[in-house]
Amino acid sequence: MTKPEFIAAVANSAGSTKAETERVINAALDTIQAALAKGDSVQFVGFGTFEVKTRAAREGINPRTKQKIKIAAKKAVSFKAGKKLKDTVA
């Protein structure tokens, strides 16, 4: 499902316009991004939790040259599905 399809489905389900629904969804996504950028986690009980995790620096191998390379530490967004979402998908 693409973002426009998602917006249309939510608008249909909520009985609102697509434009209004798009503004709300964009505001929600912006709020989640801002919270993650500050290092906070965002938890939706039953759905899941978004959080930022730090990946440690490590050594890797360049597949072309087979030389060892250093991979720098970095932050990555992680999502852990909640029980209700897991049960629904299963």
PDB file of N, CA and C in Angstrom:
ATOM      1  N   MET A   1       0.838  -1.173   0.000  1.00  0.00           N
ATOM      2  CA  MET A   1       0.000   0.000   0.000  1.00  0.00           C
ATOM      3  C   MET A   1       0.888   1.243   0.000  1.00  0.00           C
ATOM      4  N   THR A   2       0.612   2.134  -0.908  1.00  0.00           N
ATOM      5  CA  THR A   2       1.371   3.378  -0.999  1.00  0.00           C
ATOM      6  C   THR A   2       0.742   4.430  -0.083  1.00  0.00           C
ATOM      7  N   LYS A   3       1.446   5.545   0.096  1.00  0.00           N
ATOM      8  CA  LYS A   3       0.932   6.604   0.961  1.00  0.00           C
ATOM      9  C   LYS A   3      -0.406   7.144   0.457  1.00  0.00           C
ATOM     10  N   PRO A   4      -0.561   7.442  -0.852  1.00  0.00           N
ATOM     11  CA  PRO A   4      -1.874   7.910  -1.327  1.00  0.00           C
ATOM     12  C   PRO A   4      -2.991   6.877  -1.100  1.00  0.00           C
ATOM     13  N   GLU A   5      -2.689   5.612  -1.278  1.00  0.00           N
ATOM     14  CA  GLU A   5      -3.680   4.564  -1.029  1.00  0.00           C
ATOM     15  C   GLU A   5      -4.038   4.520   0.459  1.00  0.00           C
ATOM     16  N   PHE A   6      -3.032   4.689   1.312  1.00  0.00           N
ATOM     17  CA  PHE A   6      -3.246   4.703   2.749  1.00  0.00           C
ATOM     18  C   PHE A   6      -4.128   5.888   3.149  1.00  0.00           C
ATOM     19  N   ILE A   7      -3.831   7.048   2.604  1.00  0.00           N
ATOM     20  CA  ILE A   7      -4.614   8.251   2.896  1.00  0.00           C
ATOM     21  C   ILE A   7      -6.070   8.057   2.464  1.00  0.00           C
ATOM     22  N   ALA A   8      -6.276   7.495   1.286  1.00  0.00           N
ATOM     23  CA  ALA A   8      -7.633   7.256   0.786  1.00  0.00           C
ATOM     24  C   ALA A   8      -8.378   6.270   1.685  1.00  0.00           C
ATOM     25  N   ALA A   9      -7.702   5.227   2.133  1.00  0.00           N
ATOM     26  CA  ALA A   9      -8.339   4.227   2.996  1.00  0.00           C
ATOM     27  C   ALA A   9      -8.710   4.822   4.349  1.00  0.00           C
ATOM     28  N   VAL A  10      -7.807   5.615   4.929  1.00  0.00           N
ATOM     29  CA  VAL A  10      -8.090   6.249   6.222  1.00  0.00           C
ATOM     30  C   VAL A  10      -9.216   7.267   6.075  1.00  0.00           C
ATOM     31  N   ALA A  11      -9.197   8.050   5.014  1.00  0.00           N
ATOM     32  CA  ALA A  11     -10.250   9.037   4.773  1.00  0.00           C
ATOM     33  C   ALA A  11     -11.604   8.352   4.639  1.00  0.00           C
ATOM     34  N   ASN A  12     -11.637   7.255   3.915  1.00  0.00           N
ATOM     35  CA  ASN A  12     -12.880   6.501   3.730  1.00  0.00           C
ATOM     36  C   ASN A  12     -13.368   5.921   5.056  1.00  0.00           C
ATOM     37  N   SER A  13     -12.435   5.380   5.830  1.00  0.00           N
ATOM     38  CA  SER A  13     -12.781   4.781   7.118  1.00  0.00           C
ATOM     39  C   SER A  13     -13.258   5.819   8.129  1.00  0.00           C
ATOM     40  N   ALA A  14     -12.632   6.993   8.120  1.00  0.00           N
ATOM     41  CA  ALA A  14     -12.967   8.051   9.084  1.00  0.00           C
ATOM     42  C   ALA A  14     -14.097   8.946   8.608  1.00  0.00           C
ATOM     43  N   GLY A  15     -14.447   8.851   7.341  1.00  0.00           N
ATOM     44  CA  GLY A  15     -15.514   9.692   6.798  1.00  0.00           C
ATOM     45  C   GLY A  15     -15.101  11.145   6.649  1.00  0.00           C
ATOM     46  N   SER A  16     -13.824  11.371   6.344  1.00  0.00           N
ATOM     47  CA  SER A  16     -13.334  12.736   6.140  1.00  0.00           C
ATOM     48  C   SER A  16     -12.763  12.870   4.732  1.00  0.00           C
ATOM     49  N   THR A  17     -12.354  14.086   4.396  1.00  0.00           N
ATOM     50  CA  THR A  17     -11.812  14.309   3.058  1.00  0.00           C
ATOM     51  C   THR A  17     -10.380  13.811   2.981  1.00  0.00           C
ATOM     52  N   LYS A  18      -9.947  13.553   1.766  1.00  0.00           N
ATOM     53  CA  LYS A  18      -8.565  13.110   1.568  1.00  0.00           C
ATOM     54  C   LYS A  18      -7.580  14.204   1.961  1.00  0.00           C
ATOM     55  N   ALA A  19      -7.890  15.463   1.647  1.00  0.00           N
ATOM     56  CA  ALA A  19      -6.994  16.582   1.957  1.00  0.00           C
ATOM     57  C   ALA A  19      -6.821  16.730   3.469  1.00  0.00           C
ATOM     58  N   GLU A  20      -7.924  16.645   4.191  1.00  0.00           N
ATOM     59  CA  GLU A  20      -7.866  16.759   5.647  1.00  0.00           C
ATOM     60  C   GLU A  20      -7.089  15.576   6.244  1.00  0.00           C
ATOM     61  N   THR A  21      -7.354  14.398   5.756  1.00  0.00           N
ATOM     62  CA  THR A  21      -6.677  13.196   6.236  1.00  0.00           C
ATOM     63  C   THR A  21      -5.183  13.270   5.941  1.00  0.00           C
ATOM     64  N   GLU A  22      -4.819  13.765   4.758  1.00  0.00           N
ATOM     65  CA  GLU A  22      -3.408  13.886   4.411  1.00  0.00           C
ATOM     66  C   GLU A  22      -2.685  14.843   5.357  1.00  0.00           C
ATOM     67  N   ARG A  23      -3.323  15.959   5.711  1.00  0.00           N
ATOM     68  CA  ARG A  23      -2.719  16.912   6.652  1.00  0.00           C
ATOM     69  C   ARG A  23      -2.488  16.252   8.011  1.00  0.00           C
ATOM     70  N   VAL A  24      -3.463  15.493   8.475  1.00  0.00           N
ATOM     71  CA  VAL A  24      -3.346  14.834   9.779  1.00  0.00           C
ATOM     72  C   VAL A  24      -2.247  13.776   9.756  1.00  0.00           C
ATOM     73  N   ILE A  25      -2.214  12.967   8.707  1.00  0.00           N
ATOM     74  CA  ILE A  25      -1.198  11.916   8.605  1.00  0.00           C
ATOM     75  C   ILE A  25       0.200  12.529   8.492  1.00  0.00           C
ATOM     76  N   ASN A  26       0.354  13.568   7.687  1.00  0.00           N
ATOM     77  CA  ASN A  26       1.653  14.237   7.561  1.00  0.00           C
ATOM     78  C   ASN A  26       2.090  14.840   8.890  1.00  0.00           C
ATOM     79  N   ALA A  27       1.146  15.422   9.637  1.00  0.00           N
ATOM     80  CA  ALA A  27       1.472  15.994  10.949  1.00  0.00           C
ATOM     81  C   ALA A  27       1.904  14.899  11.919  1.00  0.00           C
ATOM     82  N   ALA A  28       1.227  13.752  11.871  1.00  0.00           N
ATOM     83  CA  ALA A  28       1.585  12.631  12.743  1.00  0.00           C
ATOM     84  C   ALA A  28       2.982  12.108  12.405  1.00  0.00           C
ATOM     85  N   LEU A  29       3.260  11.954  11.124  1.00  0.00           N
ATOM     86  CA  LEU A  29       4.578  11.463  10.707  1.00  0.00           C
ATOM     87  C   LEU A  29       5.680  12.455  11.070  1.00  0.00           C
ATOM     88  N   ASP A  30       5.412  13.749  10.906  1.00  0.00           N
ATOM     89  CA  ASP A  30       6.389  14.773  11.281  1.00  0.00           C
ATOM     90  C   ASP A  30       6.662  14.744  12.779  1.00  0.00           C
ATOM     91  N   THR A  31       5.627  14.524  13.580  1.00  0.00           N
ATOM     92  CA  THR A  31       5.779  14.457  15.028  1.00  0.00           C
ATOM     93  C   THR A  31       6.609  13.242  15.430  1.00  0.00           C
ATOM     94  N   ILE A  32       6.369  12.113  14.789  1.00  0.00           N
ATOM     95  CA  ILE A  32       7.159  10.902  15.067  1.00  0.00           C
ATOM     96  C   ILE A  32       8.620  11.139  14.691  1.00  0.00           C
ATOM     97  N   GLN A  33       8.862  11.740  13.529  1.00  0.00           N
ATOM     98  CA  GLN A  33      10.237  12.015  13.098  1.00  0.00           C
ATOM     99  C   GLN A  33      10.940  12.952  14.062  1.00  0.00           C
ATOM    100  N   ALA A  34      10.247  13.981  14.525  1.00  0.00           N
ATOM    101  CA  ALA A  34      10.854  14.942  15.458  1.00  0.00           C
ATOM    102  C   ALA A  34      11.211  14.262  16.778  1.00  0.00           C
ATOM    103  N   ALA A  35      10.330  13.405  17.263  1.00  0.00           N
ATOM    104  CA  ALA A  35      10.598  12.692  18.514  1.00  0.00           C
ATOM    105  C   ALA A  35      11.801  11.764  18.362  1.00  0.00           C
ATOM    106  N   LEU A  36      11.883  11.061  17.249  1.00  0.00           N
ATOM    107  CA  LEU A  36      13.014  10.161  17.013  1.00  0.00           C
ATOM    108  C   LEU A  36      14.311  10.941  16.856  1.00  0.00           C
ATOM    109  N   ALA A  37      14.249  12.097  16.213  1.00  0.00           N
ATOM    110  CA  ALA A  37      15.439  12.933  16.033  1.00  0.00           C
ATOM    111  C   ALA A  37      15.981  13.403  17.386  1.00  0.00           C
ATOM    112  N   LYS A  38      15.089  13.618  18.369  1.00  0.00           N
ATOM    113  CA  LYS A  38      15.514  14.027  19.706  1.00  0.00           C
ATOM    114  C   LYS A  38      16.025  12.842  20.524  1.00  0.00           C
ATOM    115  N   GLY A  39      15.831  11.627  20.018  1.00  0.00           N
ATOM    116  CA  GLY A  39      16.279  10.440  20.727  1.00  0.00           C
ATOM    117  C   GLY A  39      15.185   9.776  21.544  1.00  0.00           C
ATOM    118  N   ASP A  40      13.964  10.300  21.466  1.00  0.00           N
ATOM    119  CA  ASP A  40      12.838   9.701  22.187  1.00  0.00           C
ATOM    120  C   ASP A  40      12.304   8.509  21.407  1.00  0.00           C
ATOM    121  N   SER A  41      11.601   7.627  22.112  1.00  0.00           N
ATOM    122  CA  SER A  41      10.912   6.541  21.429  1.00  0.00           C
ATOM    123  C   SER A  41       9.436   6.908  21.331  1.00  0.00           C
ATOM    124  N   VAL A  42       8.742   6.305  20.368  1.00  0.00           N
ATOM    125  CA  VAL A  42       7.318   6.554  20.167  1.00  0.00           C
ATOM    126  C   VAL A  42       6.624   5.207  20.262  1.00  0.00           C
ATOM    127  N   GLN A  43       5.714   5.105  21.228  1.00  0.00           N
ATOM    128  CA  GLN A  43       5.061   3.821  21.485  1.00  0.00           C
ATOM    129  C   GLN A  43       3.561   3.936  21.281  1.00  0.00           C
ATOM    130  N   PHE A  44       3.021   3.023  20.488  1.00  0.00           N
ATOM    131  CA  PHE A  44       1.588   2.879  20.300  1.00  0.00           C
ATOM    132  C   PHE A  44       1.220   1.516  20.875  1.00  0.00           C
ATOM    133  N   VAL A  45       0.561   1.513  22.032  1.00  0.00           N
ATOM    134  CA  VAL A  45       0.245   0.258  22.718  1.00  0.00           C
ATOM    135  C   VAL A  45      -0.573  -0.634  21.790  1.00  0.00           C
ATOM    136  N   GLY A  46      -0.132  -1.874  21.653  1.00  0.00           N
ATOM    137  CA  GLY A  46      -0.802  -2.840  20.787  1.00  0.00           C
ATOM    138  C   GLY A  46      -0.291  -2.818  19.361  1.00  0.00           C
ATOM    139  N   PHE A  47       0.221  -1.675  18.907  1.00  0.00           N
ATOM    140  CA  PHE A  47       0.723  -1.570  17.534  1.00  0.00           C
ATOM    141  C   PHE A  47       2.226  -1.805  17.482  1.00  0.00           C
ATOM    142  N   GLY A  48       2.979  -0.993  18.249  1.00  0.00           N
ATOM    143  CA  GLY A  48       4.422  -1.172  18.253  1.00  0.00           C
ATOM    144  C   GLY A  48       5.163   0.050  18.750  1.00  0.00           C
ATOM    145  N   THR A  49       6.486  -0.059  18.734  1.00  0.00           N
ATOM    146  CA  THR A  49       7.344   0.999  19.243  1.00  0.00           C
ATOM    147  C   THR A  49       8.414   1.337  18.218  1.00  0.00           C
ATOM    148  N   PHE A  50       8.558   2.643  17.947  1.00  0.00           N
ATOM    149  CA  PHE A  50       9.638   3.158  17.122  1.00  0.00           C
ATOM    150  C   PHE A  50      10.701   3.696  18.064  1.00  0.00           C
ATOM    151  N   GLU A  51      11.964   3.354  17.824  1.00  0.00           N
ATOM    152  CA  GLU A  51      13.040   3.896  18.641  1.00  0.00           C
ATOM    153  C   GLU A  51      14.321   3.993  17.824  1.00  0.00           C
ATOM    154  N   VAL A  52      15.235   4.813  18.329  1.00  0.00           N
ATOM    155  CA  VAL A  52      16.530   4.988  17.672  1.00  0.00           C
ATOM    156  C   VAL A  52      17.551   4.131  18.408  1.00  0.00           C
ATOM    157  N   LYS A  53      18.259   3.322  17.663  1.00  0.00           N
ATOM    158  CA  LYS A  53      19.311   2.493  18.243  1.00  0.00           C
ATOM    159  C   LYS A  53      20.639   2.881  17.606  1.00  0.00           C
ATOM    160  N   THR A  54      21.703   2.774  18.385  1.00  0.00           N
ATOM    161  CA  THR A  54      23.033   3.078  17.879  1.00  0.00           C
ATOM    162  C   THR A  54      23.716   1.771  17.493  1.00  0.00           C
ATOM    163  N   ARG A  55      24.151   1.715  16.270  1.00  0.00           N
ATOM    164  CA  ARG A  55      24.905   0.545  15.805  1.00  0.00           C
ATOM    165  C   ARG A  55      26.383   0.820  16.035  1.00  0.00           C
ATOM    166  N   ALA A  56      27.046  -0.107  16.641  1.00  0.00           N
ATOM    167  CA  ALA A  56      28.463   0.063  16.953  1.00  0.00           C
ATOM    168  C   ALA A  56      29.311   0.019  15.679  1.00  0.00           C
ATOM    169  N   ALA A  57      30.484   0.631  15.761  1.00  0.00           N
ATOM    170  CA  ALA A  57      31.433   0.549  14.643  1.00  0.00           C
ATOM    171  C   ALA A  57      31.887  -0.899  14.515  1.00  0.00           C
ATOM    172  N   ARG A  58      32.160  -1.298  13.301  1.00  0.00           N
ATOM    173  CA  ARG A  58      32.585  -2.694  13.082  1.00  0.00           C
ATOM    174  C   ARG A  58      33.431  -2.792  11.831  1.00  0.00           C
ATOM    175  N   GLU A  59      34.014  -3.963  11.644  1.00  0.00           N
ATOM    176  CA  GLU A  59      34.797  -4.222  10.436  1.00  0.00           C
ATOM    177  C   GLU A  59      33.941  -4.976   9.441  1.00  0.00           C
ATOM    178  N   GLY A  60      34.077  -4.617   8.179  1.00  0.00           N
ATOM    179  CA  GLY A  60      33.382  -5.316   7.116  1.00  0.00           C
ATOM    180  C   GLY A  60      34.377  -5.703   6.040  1.00  0.00           C
ATOM    181  N   ILE A  61      33.884  -6.335   5.002  1.00  0.00           N
ATOM    182  CA  ILE A  61      34.744  -6.749   3.894  1.00  0.00           C
ATOM    183  C   ILE A  61      34.149  -6.215   2.605  1.00  0.00           C
ATOM    184  N   ASN A  62      34.978  -5.531   1.811  1.00  0.00           N
ATOM    185  CA  ASN A  62      34.563  -5.062   0.502  1.00  0.00           C
ATOM    186  C   ASN A  62      34.426  -6.287  -0.397  1.00  0.00           C
ATOM    187  N   PRO A  63      33.233  -6.562  -0.923  1.00  0.00           N
ATOM    188  CA  PRO A  63      33.046  -7.777  -1.709  1.00  0.00           C
ATOM    189  C   PRO A  63      33.851  -7.820  -3.010  1.00  0.00           C
ATOM    190  N   ARG A  64      34.188  -6.640  -3.552  1.00  0.00           N
ATOM    191  CA  ARG A  64      34.967  -6.618  -4.796  1.00  0.00           C
ATOM    192  C   ARG A  64      36.430  -6.918  -4.560  1.00  0.00           C
ATOM    193  N   THR A  65      37.004  -6.219  -3.590  1.00  0.00           N
ATOM    194  CA  THR A  65      38.451  -6.321  -3.383  1.00  0.00           C
ATOM    195  C   THR A  65      38.819  -7.282  -2.273  1.00  0.00           C
ATOM    196  N   LYS A  66      37.850  -7.714  -1.494  1.00  0.00           N
ATOM    197  CA  LYS A  66      38.058  -8.609  -0.349  1.00  0.00           C
ATOM    198  C   LYS A  66      38.903  -7.961   0.745  1.00  0.00           C
ATOM    199  N   GLN A  67      39.062  -6.641   0.688  1.00  0.00           N
ATOM    200  CA  GLN A  67      39.815  -5.936   1.714  1.00  0.00           C
ATOM    201  C   GLN A  67      38.904  -5.623   2.888  1.00  0.00           C
ATOM    202  N   LYS A  68      39.506  -5.607   4.080  1.00  0.00           N
ATOM    203  CA  LYS A  68      38.745  -5.240   5.263  1.00  0.00           C
ATOM    204  C   LYS A  68      38.559  -3.728   5.279  1.00  0.00           C
ATOM    205  N   ILE A  69      37.364  -3.305   5.657  1.00  0.00           N
ATOM    206  CA  ILE A  69      37.072  -1.881   5.760  1.00  0.00           C
ATOM    207  C   ILE A  69      36.431  -1.627   7.119  1.00  0.00           C
ATOM    208  N   LYS A  70      36.554  -0.381   7.579  1.00  0.00           N
ATOM    209  CA  LYS A  70      35.928  -0.005   8.840  1.00  0.00           C
ATOM    210  C   LYS A  70      34.583   0.640   8.533  1.00  0.00           C
ATOM    211  N   ILE A  71      33.554   0.163   9.215  1.00  0.00           N
ATOM    212  CA  ILE A  71      32.223   0.720   9.072  1.00  0.00           C
ATOM    213  C   ILE A  71      31.956   1.550  10.326  1.00  0.00           C
ATOM    214  N   ALA A  72      31.663   2.815  10.142  1.00  0.00           N
ATOM    215  CA  ALA A  72      31.492   3.732  11.267  1.00  0.00           C
ATOM    216  C   ALA A  72      30.206   3.425  12.037  1.00  0.00           C
ATOM    217  N   ALA A  73      30.188   3.843  13.297  1.00  0.00           N
ATOM    218  CA  ALA A  73      28.982   3.722  14.111  1.00  0.00           C
ATOM    219  C   ALA A  73      27.918   4.659  13.538  1.00  0.00           C
ATOM    220  N   LYS A  74      26.652   4.277  13.696  1.00  0.00           N
ATOM    221  CA  LYS A  74      25.582   5.129  13.198  1.00  0.00           C
ATOM    222  C   LYS A  74      24.302   4.845  13.965  1.00  0.00           C
ATOM    223  N   LYS A  75      23.376   5.769  13.836  1.00  0.00           N
ATOM    224  CA  LYS A  75      22.068   5.606  14.450  1.00  0.00           C
ATOM    225  C   LYS A  75      21.099   5.085  13.398  1.00  0.00           C
ATOM    226  N   ALA A  76      20.198   4.209  13.838  1.00  0.00           N
ATOM    227  CA  ALA A  76      19.209   3.646  12.923  1.00  0.00           C
ATOM    228  C   ALA A  76      17.864   3.564  13.633  1.00  0.00           C
ATOM    229  N   VAL A  77      16.790   3.721  12.884  1.00  0.00           N
ATOM    230  CA  VAL A  77      15.451   3.608  13.440  1.00  0.00           C
ATOM    231  C   VAL A  77      15.069   2.140  13.501  1.00  0.00           C
ATOM    232  N   SER A  78      14.497   1.755  14.624  1.00  0.00           N
ATOM    233  CA  SER A  78      14.074   0.381  14.836  1.00  0.00           C
ATOM    234  C   SER A  78      12.575   0.369  15.145  1.00  0.00           C
ATOM    235  N   PHE A  79      11.878  -0.650  14.673  1.00  0.00           N
ATOM    236  CA  PHE A  79      10.456  -0.812  14.981  1.00  0.00           C
ATOM    237  C   PHE A  79      10.259  -2.192  15.564  1.00  0.00           C
ATOM    238  N   LYS A  80       9.607  -2.239  16.708  1.00  0.00           N
ATOM    239  CA  LYS A  80       9.269  -3.519  17.329  1.00  0.00           C
ATOM    240  C   LYS A  80       7.755  -3.625  17.365  1.00  0.00           C
ATOM    241  N   ALA A  81       7.215  -4.611  16.678  1.00  0.00           N
ATOM    242  CA  ALA A  81       5.767  -4.781  16.590  1.00  0.00           C
ATOM    243  C   ALA A  81       5.185  -5.171  17.939  1.00  0.00           C
ATOM    244  N   GLY A  82       4.004  -4.647  18.230  1.00  0.00           N
ATOM    245  CA  GLY A  82       3.294  -4.981  19.457  1.00  0.00           C
ATOM    246  C   GLY A  82       2.535  -6.290  19.317  1.00  0.00           C
ATOM    247  N   LYS A  83       2.044  -6.787  20.437  1.00  0.00           N
ATOM    248  CA  LYS A  83       1.369  -8.082  20.460  1.00  0.00           C
ATOM    249  C   LYS A  83       0.128  -8.096  19.569  1.00  0.00           C
ATOM    250  N   LYS A  84      -0.683  -7.061  19.642  1.00  0.00           N
ATOM    251  CA  LYS A  84      -1.922  -7.049  18.849  1.00  0.00           C
ATOM    252  C   LYS A  84      -1.612  -7.072  17.355  1.00  0.00           C
ATOM    253  N   LEU A  85      -0.592  -6.320  16.924  1.00  0.00           N
ATOM    254  CA  LEU A  85      -0.203  -6.313  15.509  1.00  0.00           C
ATOM    255  C   LEU A  85       0.330  -7.672  15.100  1.00  0.00           C
ATOM    256  N   LYS A  86       1.160  -8.276  15.948  1.00  0.00           N
ATOM    257  CA  LYS A  86       1.701  -9.608  15.639  1.00  0.00           C
ATOM    258  C   LYS A  86       0.579 -10.632  15.502  1.00  0.00           C
ATOM    259  N   ASP A  87      -0.378 -10.577  16.418  1.00  0.00           N
ATOM    260  CA  ASP A  87      -1.494 -11.529  16.372  1.00  0.00           C
ATOM    261  C   ASP A  87      -2.374 -11.320  15.135  1.00  0.00           C
ATOM    262  N   THR A  88      -2.571 -10.063  14.749  1.00  0.00           N
ATOM    263  CA  THR A  88      -3.389  -9.759  13.572  1.00  0.00           C
ATOM    264  C   THR A  88      -2.728 -10.278  12.296  1.00  0.00           C
ATOM    265  N   VAL A  89      -1.423 -10.093  12.197  1.00  0.00           N
ATOM    266  CA  VAL A  89      -0.691 -10.530  10.999  1.00  0.00           C
ATOM    267  C   VAL A  89      -0.606 -12.053  10.939  1.00  0.00           C
ATOM    268  N   ALA A  90      -0.403 -12.666  12.084  1.00  0.00           N
ATOM    269  CA  ALA A  90      -0.282 -14.136  12.140  1.00  0.00           C
ATOM    270  C   ALA A  90      -1.645 -14.735  11.872  1.00  0.00           C
TER     271      ALA A  90
END
